[in-house]
Amino acid sequence: MTQVNLKVATFVYDEPALAALENSLSAERLTPYLDLAEKDRAYAIRLYEWNTRISESLYSLTQGLEITLRNRVNRVLCEAFAQENWWDICALATKQVSDIDEATKRIYYDGYDPVPNRIVAELMFGFWVSLFGTDYAQ
């Protein structure tokens, strides 16, 4: 197997650059990183960058989980309620009803008809996860 040497450019954090980054990112966002870095501002920024790179690397996995969970749960509920828009006859909690209403509004705003498949795709990951919460554990 051939090894590839990936060289990552490093940015020099001088005082003006650190001040600008702190101002842009906010003290609240940087505080946990400053705590970990024992108040070393340049190290805190590097930790922040590292966290961003880790988050980026996990995005495709999270996206895949979201899409497969959403589609499978939707299929099961379509079969259980014998219709594509199962949410119209399913006893959902107020929060989930609101989520569906908001998704429908976004679809209308984008100029599309809110057909069931579009609504399913527009619902956020939290909606699908919430269906496994205590409100529905019966």
N, C-alpha and C. Protein backbone atom coordinates (compact mmCIF):
# COMPACT_ATOMS: atom_id res chain seq x y z
N MET A 1 0.85 -1.18 0.00
CA MET A 1 0.00 0.00 0.00
C MET A 1 0.89 1.24 0.00
N THR A 2 0.55 2.21 -0.82
CA THR A 2 1.31 3.44 -0.91
C THR A 2 0.84 4.42 0.16
N GLN A 3 1.78 4.97 0.86
CA GLN A 3 1.46 5.98 1.88
C GLN A 3 1.47 7.35 1.23
N VAL A 4 0.51 8.17 1.58
CA VAL A 4 0.44 9.53 1.06
C VAL A 4 0.73 10.49 2.21
N ASN A 5 1.66 11.37 1.99
CA ASN A 5 2.00 12.36 3.00
C ASN A 5 1.17 13.61 2.74
N LEU A 6 0.21 13.85 3.59
CA LEU A 6 -0.64 15.02 3.44
C LEU A 6 -0.09 16.13 4.33
N LYS A 7 0.31 17.19 3.72
CA LYS A 7 0.85 18.32 4.47
C LYS A 7 -0.26 19.35 4.64
N VAL A 8 -0.54 19.69 5.87
CA VAL A 8 -1.58 20.67 6.17
C VAL A 8 -0.90 21.99 6.49
N ALA A 9 -1.32 23.02 5.79
CA ALA A 9 -0.75 24.35 6.05
C ALA A 9 -1.16 24.80 7.45
N THR A 10 -0.21 25.34 8.17
CA THR A 10 -0.51 25.85 9.49
C THR A 10 -0.52 27.36 9.45
N PHE A 11 -1.44 27.91 10.16
CA PHE A 11 -1.62 29.35 10.21
C PHE A 11 -0.88 29.87 11.44
N VAL A 12 -0.18 30.96 11.30
CA VAL A 12 0.51 31.57 12.42
C VAL A 12 -0.46 32.51 13.12
N TYR A 13 -0.70 32.26 14.37
CA TYR A 13 -1.64 33.06 15.15
C TYR A 13 -0.89 34.15 15.90
N ASP A 14 -0.77 35.32 15.25
CA ASP A 14 -0.19 36.45 15.96
C ASP A 14 -1.30 37.15 16.76
N GLU A 15 -0.94 38.14 17.52
CA GLU A 15 -1.91 38.80 18.40
C GLU A 15 -3.11 39.39 17.66
N PRO A 16 -2.91 40.11 16.54
CA PRO A 16 -4.10 40.62 15.82
C PRO A 16 -5.00 39.50 15.29
N ALA A 17 -4.40 38.42 14.81
CA ALA A 17 -5.20 37.30 14.30
C ALA A 17 -6.00 36.65 15.43
N LEU A 18 -5.37 36.45 16.58
CA LEU A 18 -6.06 35.86 17.73
C LEU A 18 -7.22 36.75 18.19
N ALA A 19 -6.98 38.04 18.26
CA ALA A 19 -8.04 38.97 18.68
C ALA A 19 -9.20 38.95 17.70
N ALA A 20 -8.90 38.92 16.41
CA ALA A 20 -9.96 38.89 15.39
C ALA A 20 -10.76 37.59 15.48
N LEU A 21 -10.07 36.47 15.67
CA LEU A 21 -10.77 35.18 15.79
C LEU A 21 -11.64 35.14 17.04
N GLU A 22 -11.11 35.60 18.14
CA GLU A 22 -11.90 35.63 19.38
C GLU A 22 -13.14 36.49 19.21
N ASN A 23 -12.99 37.62 18.54
CA ASN A 23 -14.11 38.51 18.31
C ASN A 23 -15.15 37.86 17.39
N SER A 24 -14.69 37.17 16.37
CA SER A 24 -15.60 36.53 15.41
C SER A 24 -16.31 35.32 15.99
N LEU A 25 -15.58 34.51 16.74
CA LEU A 25 -16.15 33.26 17.26
C LEU A 25 -16.96 33.46 18.53
N SER A 26 -16.66 34.44 19.31
CA SER A 26 -17.30 34.80 20.58
C SER A 26 -16.62 34.12 21.76
N ALA A 27 -16.60 34.85 22.86
CA ALA A 27 -15.98 34.35 24.09
C ALA A 27 -16.69 33.09 24.58
N GLU A 28 -18.01 33.06 24.46
CA GLU A 28 -18.78 31.91 24.94
C GLU A 28 -18.39 30.63 24.20
N ARG A 29 -18.21 30.74 22.90
CA ARG A 29 -17.84 29.57 22.11
C ARG A 29 -16.42 29.12 22.43
N LEU A 30 -15.53 30.05 22.67
CA LEU A 30 -14.13 29.70 22.90
C LEU A 30 -13.82 29.28 24.33
N THR A 31 -14.67 29.63 25.28
CA THR A 31 -14.38 29.35 26.70
C THR A 31 -14.03 27.90 26.98
N PRO A 32 -14.79 26.91 26.48
CA PRO A 32 -14.41 25.52 26.78
C PRO A 32 -13.03 25.15 26.23
N TYR A 33 -12.68 25.71 25.07
CA TYR A 33 -11.38 25.43 24.47
C TYR A 33 -10.26 26.13 25.24
N LEU A 34 -10.53 27.35 25.69
CA LEU A 34 -9.54 28.07 26.51
C LEU A 34 -9.29 27.34 27.83
N ASP A 35 -10.36 26.78 28.40
CA ASP A 35 -10.21 26.00 29.64
C ASP A 35 -9.33 24.78 29.40
N LEU A 36 -9.59 24.06 28.32
CA LEU A 36 -8.77 22.88 27.99
C LEU A 36 -7.32 23.26 27.69
N ALA A 37 -7.13 24.43 27.09
CA ALA A 37 -5.80 24.87 26.69
C ALA A 37 -5.09 25.65 27.80
N GLU A 38 -5.69 25.65 28.97
CA GLU A 38 -5.12 26.38 30.11
C GLU A 38 -4.83 27.83 29.74
N LYS A 39 -5.81 28.44 29.06
CA LYS A 39 -5.81 29.86 28.65
C LYS A 39 -4.82 30.20 27.53
N ASP A 40 -4.19 29.21 26.92
CA ASP A 40 -3.30 29.45 25.78
C ASP A 40 -4.20 29.67 24.56
N ARG A 41 -4.33 30.92 24.12
CA ARG A 41 -5.30 31.29 23.08
C ARG A 41 -5.02 30.60 21.74
N ALA A 42 -3.77 30.54 21.33
CA ALA A 42 -3.44 29.90 20.06
C ALA A 42 -3.76 28.40 20.12
N TYR A 43 -3.45 27.76 21.23
CA TYR A 43 -3.75 26.34 21.38
C TYR A 43 -5.27 26.12 21.41
N ALA A 44 -5.99 27.03 22.05
CA ALA A 44 -7.45 26.93 22.09
C ALA A 44 -8.04 26.98 20.68
N ILE A 45 -7.52 27.88 19.85
CA ILE A 45 -7.99 27.98 18.46
C ILE A 45 -7.67 26.70 17.70
N ARG A 46 -6.51 26.13 17.93
CA ARG A 46 -6.16 24.87 17.26
C ARG A 46 -7.09 23.73 17.72
N LEU A 47 -7.44 23.72 19.00
CA LEU A 47 -8.41 22.72 19.48
C LEU A 47 -9.76 22.92 18.81
N TYR A 48 -10.16 24.17 18.67
CA TYR A 48 -11.42 24.50 17.99
C TYR A 48 -11.38 23.99 16.55
N GLU A 49 -10.28 24.23 15.85
CA GLU A 49 -10.12 23.75 14.48
C GLU A 49 -10.16 22.23 14.42
N TRP A 50 -9.50 21.59 15.37
CA TRP A 50 -9.48 20.13 15.43
C TRP A 50 -10.90 19.59 15.61
N ASN A 51 -11.66 20.21 16.50
CA ASN A 51 -13.05 19.81 16.72
C ASN A 51 -13.86 19.96 15.43
N THR A 52 -13.61 21.03 14.69
CA THR A 52 -14.30 21.23 13.41
C THR A 52 -13.95 20.13 12.42
N ARG A 53 -12.69 19.77 12.33
CA ARG A 53 -12.28 18.70 11.41
C ARG A 53 -12.91 17.36 11.80
N ILE A 54 -12.97 17.07 13.09
CA ILE A 54 -13.61 15.83 13.54
C ILE A 54 -15.09 15.85 13.17
N SER A 55 -15.74 16.98 13.42
CA SER A 55 -17.17 17.10 13.08
C SER A 55 -17.40 16.89 11.59
N GLU A 56 -16.54 17.49 10.77
CA GLU A 56 -16.64 17.31 9.32
C GLU A 56 -16.50 15.84 8.93
N SER A 57 -15.57 15.14 9.58
CA SER A 57 -15.34 13.74 9.22
C SER A 57 -16.52 12.85 9.61
N LEU A 58 -17.27 13.26 10.61
CA LEU A 58 -18.42 12.47 11.05
C LEU A 58 -19.72 12.82 10.31
N TYR A 59 -19.70 13.91 9.55
CA TYR A 59 -20.92 14.37 8.90
C TYR A 59 -21.54 13.31 7.99
N SER A 60 -20.74 12.68 7.14
CA SER A 60 -21.32 11.71 6.20
C SER A 60 -21.93 10.53 6.93
N LEU A 61 -21.30 10.11 8.03
CA LEU A 61 -21.89 9.02 8.82
C LEU A 61 -23.21 9.44 9.44
N THR A 62 -23.25 10.64 9.99
CA THR A 62 -24.47 11.15 10.60
C THR A 62 -25.57 11.31 9.56
N GLN A 63 -25.19 11.83 8.39
CA GLN A 63 -26.16 12.00 7.31
C GLN A 63 -26.73 10.65 6.87
N GLY A 64 -25.86 9.67 6.73
CA GLY A 64 -26.32 8.33 6.34
C GLY A 64 -27.26 7.74 7.37
N LEU A 65 -26.91 7.90 8.65
CA LEU A 65 -27.79 7.42 9.73
C LEU A 65 -29.14 8.11 9.67
N GLU A 66 -29.12 9.42 9.52
CA GLU A 66 -30.37 10.18 9.48
C GLU A 66 -31.27 9.72 8.34
N ILE A 67 -30.71 9.59 7.16
CA ILE A 67 -31.51 9.22 5.99
C ILE A 67 -32.06 7.80 6.11
N THR A 68 -31.22 6.86 6.52
CA THR A 68 -31.70 5.47 6.61
C THR A 68 -32.70 5.30 7.74
N LEU A 69 -32.47 5.96 8.88
CA LEU A 69 -33.44 5.88 9.98
C LEU A 69 -34.77 6.48 9.56
N ARG A 70 -34.70 7.68 9.00
CA ARG A 70 -35.92 8.38 8.56
C ARG A 70 -36.71 7.53 7.59
N ASN A 71 -36.05 7.00 6.57
CA ASN A 71 -36.77 6.25 5.55
C ASN A 71 -37.34 4.94 6.08
N ARG A 72 -36.60 4.27 6.96
CA ARG A 72 -37.10 3.01 7.51
C ARG A 72 -38.28 3.24 8.45
N VAL A 73 -38.16 4.22 9.32
CA VAL A 73 -39.27 4.54 10.24
C VAL A 73 -40.49 4.94 9.44
N ASN A 74 -40.30 5.75 8.42
CA ASN A 74 -41.42 6.17 7.58
C ASN A 74 -42.09 4.97 6.92
N ARG A 75 -41.28 4.04 6.37
CA ARG A 75 -41.87 2.85 5.72
C ARG A 75 -42.69 2.02 6.72
N VAL A 76 -42.14 1.82 7.90
CA VAL A 76 -42.85 1.03 8.91
C VAL A 76 -44.17 1.71 9.30
N LEU A 77 -44.14 3.03 9.47
CA LEU A 77 -45.36 3.74 9.86
C LEU A 77 -46.36 3.81 8.71
N CYS A 78 -45.89 3.92 7.48
CA CYS A 78 -46.79 3.87 6.32
C CYS A 78 -47.53 2.53 6.28
N GLU A 79 -46.79 1.44 6.52
CA GLU A 79 -47.42 0.12 6.54
C GLU A 79 -48.36 -0.03 7.72
N ALA A 80 -47.96 0.43 8.88
CA ALA A 80 -48.78 0.28 10.09
C ALA A 80 -50.10 1.04 9.98
N PHE A 81 -50.06 2.22 9.37
CA PHE A 81 -51.26 3.04 9.26
C PHE A 81 -51.89 2.98 7.87
N ALA A 82 -51.31 2.20 6.98
CA ALA A 82 -51.82 1.97 5.62
C ALA A 82 -52.04 3.25 4.83
N GLN A 83 -51.16 4.22 5.02
CA GLN A 83 -51.20 5.42 4.19
C GLN A 83 -49.88 6.18 4.31
N GLU A 84 -49.56 6.93 3.23
CA GLU A 84 -48.30 7.66 3.19
C GLU A 84 -48.22 8.79 4.20
N ASN A 85 -49.33 9.46 4.42
CA ASN A 85 -49.36 10.55 5.39
C ASN A 85 -49.89 10.06 6.74
N TRP A 86 -49.20 9.10 7.30
CA TRP A 86 -49.58 8.46 8.56
C TRP A 86 -49.74 9.47 9.69
N TRP A 87 -49.05 10.59 9.62
CA TRP A 87 -49.11 11.60 10.68
C TRP A 87 -50.47 12.25 10.80
N ASP A 88 -51.31 12.13 9.74
CA ASP A 88 -52.66 12.68 9.81
C ASP A 88 -53.59 11.85 10.68
N ILE A 89 -53.28 10.58 10.88
CA ILE A 89 -54.15 9.73 11.70
C ILE A 89 -53.45 9.18 12.94
N CYS A 90 -52.16 9.42 13.05
CA CYS A 90 -51.39 8.94 14.19
C CYS A 90 -51.48 9.97 15.32
N ALA A 91 -51.60 9.50 16.54
CA ALA A 91 -51.67 10.40 17.69
C ALA A 91 -50.27 10.90 18.05
N LEU A 92 -49.89 12.03 17.47
CA LEU A 92 -48.58 12.60 17.72
C LEU A 92 -48.66 13.67 18.81
N ALA A 93 -47.57 13.86 19.52
CA ALA A 93 -47.48 14.90 20.53
C ALA A 93 -47.45 16.27 19.83
N THR A 94 -47.75 17.30 20.57
CA THR A 94 -47.82 18.66 20.04
C THR A 94 -46.54 19.07 19.33
N LYS A 95 -45.41 18.73 19.88
CA LYS A 95 -44.11 19.11 19.28
C LYS A 95 -43.95 18.49 17.89
N GLN A 96 -44.29 17.22 17.74
CA GLN A 96 -44.14 16.58 16.44
C GLN A 96 -45.14 17.13 15.42
N VAL A 97 -46.35 17.44 15.86
CA VAL A 97 -47.34 18.07 14.97
C VAL A 97 -46.80 19.42 14.49
N SER A 98 -46.21 20.17 15.40
CA SER A 98 -45.62 21.46 15.04
C SER A 98 -44.46 21.29 14.06
N ASP A 99 -43.64 20.26 14.27
CA ASP A 99 -42.53 19.98 13.35
C ASP A 99 -43.05 19.71 11.94
N ILE A 100 -44.12 18.95 11.84
CA ILE A 100 -44.71 18.65 10.52
C ILE A 100 -45.27 19.92 9.89
N ASP A 101 -45.93 20.74 10.69
CA ASP A 101 -46.46 22.01 10.18
C ASP A 101 -45.33 22.91 9.66
N GLU A 102 -44.23 22.99 10.40
CA GLU A 102 -43.09 23.81 9.98
C GLU A 102 -42.44 23.27 8.71
N ALA A 103 -42.32 21.96 8.62
CA ALA A 103 -41.76 21.34 7.41
C ALA A 103 -42.65 21.65 6.21
N THR A 104 -43.95 21.56 6.39
CA THR A 104 -44.91 21.86 5.33
C THR A 104 -44.78 23.31 4.87
N LYS A 105 -44.65 24.23 5.82
CA LYS A 105 -44.49 25.65 5.49
C LYS A 105 -43.21 25.89 4.68
N ARG A 106 -42.12 25.23 5.08
CA ARG A 106 -40.85 25.39 4.35
C ARG A 106 -40.98 24.89 2.91
N ILE A 107 -41.71 23.79 2.74
CA ILE A 107 -41.91 23.24 1.39
C ILE A 107 -42.72 24.22 0.54
N TYR A 108 -43.81 24.76 1.10
CA TYR A 108 -44.60 25.77 0.39
C TYR A 108 -43.75 26.99 0.05
N TYR A 109 -42.94 27.43 1.01
CA TYR A 109 -42.08 28.59 0.81
C TYR A 109 -41.10 28.37 -0.35
N ASP A 110 -40.62 27.14 -0.47
CA ASP A 110 -39.69 26.80 -1.56
C ASP A 110 -40.40 26.61 -2.90
N GLY A 111 -41.74 26.70 -2.91
CA GLY A 111 -42.49 26.63 -4.16
C GLY A 111 -42.91 25.24 -4.57
N TYR A 112 -42.95 24.31 -3.64
CA TYR A 112 -43.33 22.93 -3.95
C TYR A 112 -44.61 22.54 -3.23
N ASP A 113 -45.23 21.48 -3.74
CA ASP A 113 -46.39 20.90 -3.06
C ASP A 113 -45.89 20.02 -1.91
N PRO A 114 -46.51 20.14 -0.76
CA PRO A 114 -46.06 19.33 0.39
C PRO A 114 -46.60 17.90 0.34
N VAL A 115 -46.12 17.14 -0.63
CA VAL A 115 -46.52 15.73 -0.73
C VAL A 115 -45.78 14.95 0.37
N PRO A 116 -46.29 13.80 0.75
CA PRO A 116 -45.70 13.05 1.86
C PRO A 116 -44.19 12.84 1.77
N ASN A 117 -43.67 12.45 0.60
CA ASN A 117 -42.23 12.20 0.50
C ASN A 117 -41.41 13.46 0.78
N ARG A 118 -41.90 14.62 0.36
CA ARG A 118 -41.19 15.88 0.63
C ARG A 118 -41.25 16.21 2.12
N ILE A 119 -42.39 15.98 2.74
CA ILE A 119 -42.52 16.25 4.17
C ILE A 119 -41.57 15.36 4.96
N VAL A 120 -41.54 14.09 4.61
CA VAL A 120 -40.63 13.15 5.28
C VAL A 120 -39.19 13.62 5.16
N ALA A 121 -38.78 14.03 3.96
CA ALA A 121 -37.41 14.47 3.74
C ALA A 121 -37.10 15.79 4.46
N GLU A 122 -38.11 16.62 4.65
CA GLU A 122 -37.91 17.94 5.26
C GLU A 122 -37.87 17.89 6.78
N LEU A 123 -38.42 16.83 7.37
CA LEU A 123 -38.41 16.73 8.83
C LEU A 123 -36.99 16.52 9.35
N MET A 124 -36.66 17.21 10.41
CA MET A 124 -35.31 17.16 10.97
C MET A 124 -35.07 15.83 11.71
N PHE A 125 -33.81 15.52 11.88
CA PHE A 125 -33.40 14.28 12.56
C PHE A 125 -34.04 14.17 13.94
N GLY A 126 -34.13 15.27 14.65
CA GLY A 126 -34.72 15.27 15.99
C GLY A 126 -36.16 14.78 16.00
N PHE A 127 -36.90 15.06 14.94
CA PHE A 127 -38.27 14.57 14.83
C PHE A 127 -38.29 13.05 14.89
N TRP A 128 -37.44 12.44 14.06
CA TRP A 128 -37.43 10.98 13.96
C TRP A 128 -36.94 10.33 15.25
N VAL A 129 -35.94 10.91 15.84
CA VAL A 129 -35.42 10.39 17.11
C VAL A 129 -36.48 10.51 18.20
N SER A 130 -37.25 11.60 18.18
CA SER A 130 -38.27 11.82 19.21
C SER A 130 -39.37 10.75 19.18
N LEU A 131 -39.55 10.11 18.04
CA LEU A 131 -40.57 9.06 17.96
C LEU A 131 -40.20 7.85 18.80
N PHE A 132 -38.93 7.78 19.22
CA PHE A 132 -38.47 6.69 20.08
C PHE A 132 -38.44 7.09 21.55
N GLY A 133 -38.95 8.29 21.86
CA GLY A 133 -38.92 8.81 23.23
C GLY A 133 -40.06 8.25 24.08
N THR A 134 -40.08 8.70 25.30
CA THR A 134 -41.07 8.20 26.28
C THR A 134 -42.50 8.54 25.90
N ASP A 135 -42.70 9.61 25.12
CA ASP A 135 -44.08 9.97 24.70
C ASP A 135 -44.73 8.83 23.91
N TYR A 136 -43.91 7.99 23.27
CA TYR A 136 -44.45 6.95 22.39
C TYR A 136 -44.11 5.54 22.87
N ALA A 137 -43.65 5.40 24.08
CA ALA A 137 -43.26 4.10 24.61
C ALA A 137 -44.45 3.37 25.21
N GLN A 138 -45.38 3.00 24.35
CA GLN A 138 -46.56 2.31 24.85
C GLN A 138 -46.79 0.99 24.15
